[in-house]
């Protein structure tokens, strides 16, 4: 799940926070899983993906992006992180 979140947000610390939030959501809503409809893994995957996408849409993401410094530096860091994630998942 960390890989899914990291690929979307491209920030390790944010991804860790979102994964923790996803685990808490799963813990609180485990009874809501319709096992005839979805597998647990699919349900958990949807929660993590939606949290990451919601983060990108949020004001928090925009504030974090403005505070992160030079966009060129961020681009190079993002490129290297993306290559690392792709090499791990390949």
N, C-alpha and C. Protein backbone atom coordinates (compact mmCIF):
# COMPACT_ATOMS: atom_id res chain seq x y z
N UNK A 1 0.81 -1.19 0.00
CA UNK A 1 0.00 0.00 0.00
C UNK A 1 0.86 1.27 0.00
N UNK A 2 2.01 1.18 0.64
CA UNK A 2 2.91 2.32 0.67
C UNK A 2 3.32 2.71 -0.75
N UNK A 3 3.55 1.73 -1.59
CA UNK A 3 3.95 2.00 -2.97
C UNK A 3 2.87 2.73 -3.75
N UNK A 4 1.62 2.36 -3.52
CA UNK A 4 0.51 3.03 -4.21
C UNK A 4 0.45 4.49 -3.80
N UNK A 5 0.50 4.72 -2.51
CA UNK A 5 0.42 6.10 -2.01
C UNK A 5 1.62 6.90 -2.47
N UNK A 6 2.82 6.31 -2.36
CA UNK A 6 4.03 7.03 -2.72
C UNK A 6 4.04 7.41 -4.20
N UNK A 7 3.56 6.53 -5.05
CA UNK A 7 3.50 6.85 -6.48
C UNK A 7 2.59 8.04 -6.76
N UNK A 8 1.58 8.23 -5.94
CA UNK A 8 0.65 9.33 -6.15
C UNK A 8 1.18 10.63 -5.56
N UNK A 9 1.68 10.60 -4.32
CA UNK A 9 2.07 11.84 -3.65
C UNK A 9 3.55 12.18 -3.80
N UNK A 10 4.38 11.20 -4.11
CA UNK A 10 5.83 11.39 -4.33
C UNK A 10 6.54 12.06 -3.16
N UNK A 11 6.11 11.74 -1.96
CA UNK A 11 6.76 12.26 -0.75
C UNK A 11 6.66 11.18 0.32
N UNK A 12 7.82 10.69 0.75
CA UNK A 12 7.85 9.56 1.69
C UNK A 12 7.12 9.87 2.99
N UNK A 13 7.36 11.05 3.55
CA UNK A 13 6.77 11.38 4.85
C UNK A 13 5.24 11.53 4.74
N UNK A 14 4.79 12.16 3.69
CA UNK A 14 3.35 12.29 3.47
C UNK A 14 2.74 10.91 3.24
N UNK A 15 3.42 10.08 2.45
CA UNK A 15 2.92 8.73 2.18
C UNK A 15 2.79 7.92 3.47
N UNK A 16 3.77 8.05 4.35
CA UNK A 16 3.71 7.34 5.64
C UNK A 16 2.51 7.81 6.46
N UNK A 17 2.29 9.11 6.50
CA UNK A 17 1.14 9.65 7.24
C UNK A 17 -0.18 9.17 6.65
N UNK A 18 -0.27 9.17 5.33
CA UNK A 18 -1.50 8.72 4.68
C UNK A 18 -1.73 7.23 4.88
N UNK A 19 -0.66 6.45 4.88
CA UNK A 19 -0.81 5.02 5.13
C UNK A 19 -1.32 4.77 6.54
N UNK A 20 -0.79 5.52 7.49
CA UNK A 20 -1.28 5.38 8.86
C UNK A 20 -2.76 5.74 8.94
N UNK A 21 -3.15 6.81 8.26
CA UNK A 21 -4.56 7.20 8.24
C UNK A 21 -5.42 6.12 7.60
N UNK A 22 -4.91 5.49 6.55
CA UNK A 22 -5.65 4.41 5.88
C UNK A 22 -5.84 3.22 6.81
N UNK A 23 -4.80 2.88 7.55
CA UNK A 23 -4.90 1.75 8.48
C UNK A 23 -5.93 2.03 9.57
N UNK A 24 -5.96 3.27 10.06
CA UNK A 24 -6.95 3.64 11.07
C UNK A 24 -8.36 3.55 10.48
N UNK A 25 -8.54 4.01 9.24
CA UNK A 25 -9.86 3.92 8.60
C UNK A 25 -10.29 2.47 8.44
N UNK A 26 -9.36 1.62 8.04
CA UNK A 26 -9.67 0.19 7.89
C UNK A 26 -10.07 -0.39 9.24
N UNK A 27 -9.32 -0.08 10.27
CA UNK A 27 -9.60 -0.60 11.62
C UNK A 27 -11.00 -0.19 12.09
N UNK A 28 -11.34 1.07 11.84
CA UNK A 28 -12.64 1.58 12.31
C UNK A 28 -13.81 1.06 11.49
N UNK A 29 -13.57 0.71 10.24
CA UNK A 29 -14.67 0.34 9.34
C UNK A 29 -14.61 -1.10 8.84
N UNK A 30 -13.88 -1.95 9.53
CA UNK A 30 -13.71 -3.33 9.08
C UNK A 30 -15.05 -4.07 8.97
N UNK A 31 -15.99 -3.72 9.80
CA UNK A 31 -17.29 -4.39 9.76
C UNK A 31 -18.09 -4.02 8.51
N UNK A 32 -17.71 -2.94 7.85
CA UNK A 32 -18.44 -2.48 6.67
C UNK A 32 -18.05 -3.19 5.38
N UNK A 33 -17.05 -4.04 5.44
CA UNK A 33 -16.59 -4.74 4.23
C UNK A 33 -17.64 -5.75 3.80
N UNK A 34 -18.06 -5.65 2.56
CA UNK A 34 -18.99 -6.62 1.99
C UNK A 34 -18.16 -7.69 1.30
N UNK A 35 -17.94 -8.78 1.99
CA UNK A 35 -17.04 -9.81 1.48
C UNK A 35 -17.58 -10.54 0.27
N UNK A 36 -18.86 -10.42 0.01
CA UNK A 36 -19.41 -11.03 -1.19
C UNK A 36 -19.15 -10.17 -2.42
N UNK A 37 -18.88 -8.90 -2.18
CA UNK A 37 -18.70 -7.95 -3.27
C UNK A 37 -17.22 -7.68 -3.57
N UNK A 38 -16.45 -7.40 -2.54
CA UNK A 38 -15.04 -7.05 -2.70
C UNK A 38 -14.17 -7.90 -1.79
N UNK A 39 -12.91 -8.04 -2.20
CA UNK A 39 -11.96 -8.68 -1.29
C UNK A 39 -11.44 -7.60 -0.34
N UNK A 40 -10.88 -8.04 0.77
CA UNK A 40 -10.32 -7.10 1.74
C UNK A 40 -9.22 -6.28 1.09
N UNK A 41 -8.36 -6.92 0.31
CA UNK A 41 -7.25 -6.22 -0.34
C UNK A 41 -7.75 -5.11 -1.25
N UNK A 42 -8.75 -5.39 -2.06
CA UNK A 42 -9.30 -4.39 -2.97
C UNK A 42 -9.88 -3.22 -2.19
N UNK A 43 -10.58 -3.52 -1.14
CA UNK A 43 -11.18 -2.48 -0.30
C UNK A 43 -10.10 -1.60 0.32
N UNK A 44 -9.06 -2.22 0.87
CA UNK A 44 -7.96 -1.49 1.49
C UNK A 44 -7.22 -0.66 0.44
N UNK A 45 -7.03 -1.22 -0.74
CA UNK A 45 -6.35 -0.52 -1.82
C UNK A 45 -7.15 0.72 -2.25
N UNK A 46 -8.45 0.60 -2.34
CA UNK A 46 -9.29 1.74 -2.69
C UNK A 46 -9.21 2.85 -1.64
N UNK A 47 -9.18 2.47 -0.39
CA UNK A 47 -9.07 3.46 0.68
C UNK A 47 -7.75 4.22 0.56
N UNK A 48 -6.65 3.49 0.37
CA UNK A 48 -5.35 4.15 0.29
C UNK A 48 -5.26 5.06 -0.94
N UNK A 49 -5.73 4.58 -2.06
CA UNK A 49 -5.69 5.39 -3.28
C UNK A 49 -6.53 6.66 -3.12
N UNK A 50 -7.73 6.51 -2.58
CA UNK A 50 -8.61 7.68 -2.41
C UNK A 50 -8.03 8.70 -1.43
N UNK A 51 -7.41 8.23 -0.37
CA UNK A 51 -6.78 9.15 0.57
C UNK A 51 -5.65 9.94 -0.11
N UNK A 52 -4.86 9.26 -0.91
CA UNK A 52 -3.76 9.93 -1.61
C UNK A 52 -4.29 10.95 -2.62
N UNK A 53 -5.31 10.59 -3.35
CA UNK A 53 -5.89 11.52 -4.32
C UNK A 53 -6.54 12.71 -3.63
N UNK A 54 -7.22 12.46 -2.51
CA UNK A 54 -7.81 13.55 -1.74
C UNK A 54 -6.74 14.49 -1.20
N UNK A 55 -5.61 13.92 -0.80
CA UNK A 55 -4.50 14.75 -0.32
C UNK A 55 -4.04 15.69 -1.44
N UNK A 56 -3.90 15.18 -2.65
CA UNK A 56 -3.45 16.02 -3.77
C UNK A 56 -4.43 17.15 -4.05
N UNK A 57 -5.69 16.92 -3.81
CA UNK A 57 -6.71 17.94 -4.03
C UNK A 57 -6.79 18.95 -2.88
N UNK A 58 -6.18 18.64 -1.77
CA UNK A 58 -6.36 19.43 -0.56
C UNK A 58 -5.49 20.68 -0.54
N UNK A 59 -5.87 21.59 0.32
CA UNK A 59 -5.08 22.79 0.56
C UNK A 59 -3.75 22.43 1.21
N UNK A 60 -3.75 21.38 2.01
CA UNK A 60 -2.54 20.95 2.71
C UNK A 60 -1.44 20.62 1.69
N UNK A 61 -1.80 19.96 0.61
CA UNK A 61 -0.83 19.61 -0.42
C UNK A 61 -0.26 20.87 -1.06
N UNK A 62 -1.14 21.81 -1.37
CA UNK A 62 -0.69 23.04 -2.01
C UNK A 62 0.23 23.84 -1.10
N UNK A 63 -0.06 23.87 0.19
CA UNK A 63 0.79 24.57 1.15
C UNK A 63 2.14 23.88 1.26
N UNK A 64 2.13 22.56 1.32
CA UNK A 64 3.36 21.78 1.42
C UNK A 64 4.23 22.00 0.18
N UNK A 65 3.60 22.06 -0.97
CA UNK A 65 4.32 22.25 -2.23
C UNK A 65 4.99 23.62 -2.26
N UNK A 66 4.33 24.66 -1.78
CA UNK A 66 4.89 26.00 -1.77
C UNK A 66 6.08 26.11 -0.82
N UNK A 67 6.05 25.36 0.26
CA UNK A 67 7.11 25.43 1.26
C UNK A 67 8.31 24.56 0.91
N UNK A 68 8.21 23.76 -0.14
CA UNK A 68 9.25 22.78 -0.42
C UNK A 68 10.45 23.34 -1.17
N UNK A 69 10.45 24.61 -1.55
CA UNK A 69 11.62 25.20 -2.18
C UNK A 69 11.51 25.25 -3.69
N UNK A 70 12.63 25.18 -4.33
CA UNK A 70 12.74 25.31 -5.78
C UNK A 70 11.99 24.20 -6.51
N UNK A 71 11.21 24.58 -7.51
CA UNK A 71 10.48 23.58 -8.28
C UNK A 71 11.41 22.71 -9.09
N UNK A 72 12.55 23.27 -9.54
CA UNK A 72 13.51 22.46 -10.31
C UNK A 72 14.09 21.38 -9.42
N UNK A 73 14.44 21.74 -8.19
CA UNK A 73 14.96 20.76 -7.26
C UNK A 73 13.90 19.70 -6.97
N UNK A 74 12.66 20.12 -6.77
CA UNK A 74 11.57 19.19 -6.53
C UNK A 74 11.39 18.25 -7.70
N UNK A 75 11.52 18.76 -8.93
CA UNK A 75 11.36 17.92 -10.11
C UNK A 75 12.42 16.84 -10.15
N UNK A 76 13.68 17.21 -9.88
CA UNK A 76 14.76 16.21 -9.89
C UNK A 76 14.58 15.18 -8.78
N UNK A 77 14.14 15.64 -7.64
CA UNK A 77 13.89 14.73 -6.53
C UNK A 77 12.73 13.79 -6.88
N UNK A 78 11.69 14.33 -7.46
CA UNK A 78 10.54 13.53 -7.87
C UNK A 78 10.95 12.49 -8.90
N UNK A 79 11.76 12.88 -9.87
CA UNK A 79 12.21 11.95 -10.90
C UNK A 79 13.00 10.81 -10.30
N UNK A 80 13.91 11.11 -9.39
CA UNK A 80 14.71 10.05 -8.79
C UNK A 80 13.86 9.15 -7.90
N UNK A 81 12.88 9.73 -7.19
CA UNK A 81 12.00 8.92 -6.36
C UNK A 81 11.14 8.01 -7.22
N UNK A 82 10.65 8.53 -8.33
CA UNK A 82 9.81 7.73 -9.22
C UNK A 82 10.60 6.58 -9.80
N UNK A 83 11.84 6.82 -10.21
CA UNK A 83 12.68 5.75 -10.75
C UNK A 83 12.95 4.70 -9.69
N UNK A 84 13.19 5.13 -8.44
CA UNK A 84 13.43 4.19 -7.36
C UNK A 84 12.21 3.32 -7.13
N UNK A 85 11.04 3.92 -7.06
CA UNK A 85 9.81 3.16 -6.83
C UNK A 85 9.57 2.19 -7.98
N UNK A 86 9.76 2.64 -9.21
CA UNK A 86 9.55 1.76 -10.35
C UNK A 86 10.53 0.59 -10.34
N UNK A 87 11.77 0.83 -9.93
CA UNK A 87 12.75 -0.27 -9.89
C UNK A 87 12.39 -1.27 -8.80
N UNK A 88 11.85 -0.78 -7.69
CA UNK A 88 11.45 -1.68 -6.60
C UNK A 88 10.27 -2.54 -7.01
N UNK A 89 9.30 -1.95 -7.70
CA UNK A 89 8.07 -2.67 -8.06
C UNK A 89 8.23 -3.50 -9.31
N UNK A 90 9.34 -3.37 -10.03
CA UNK A 90 9.54 -4.15 -11.26
C UNK A 90 10.03 -5.53 -10.97
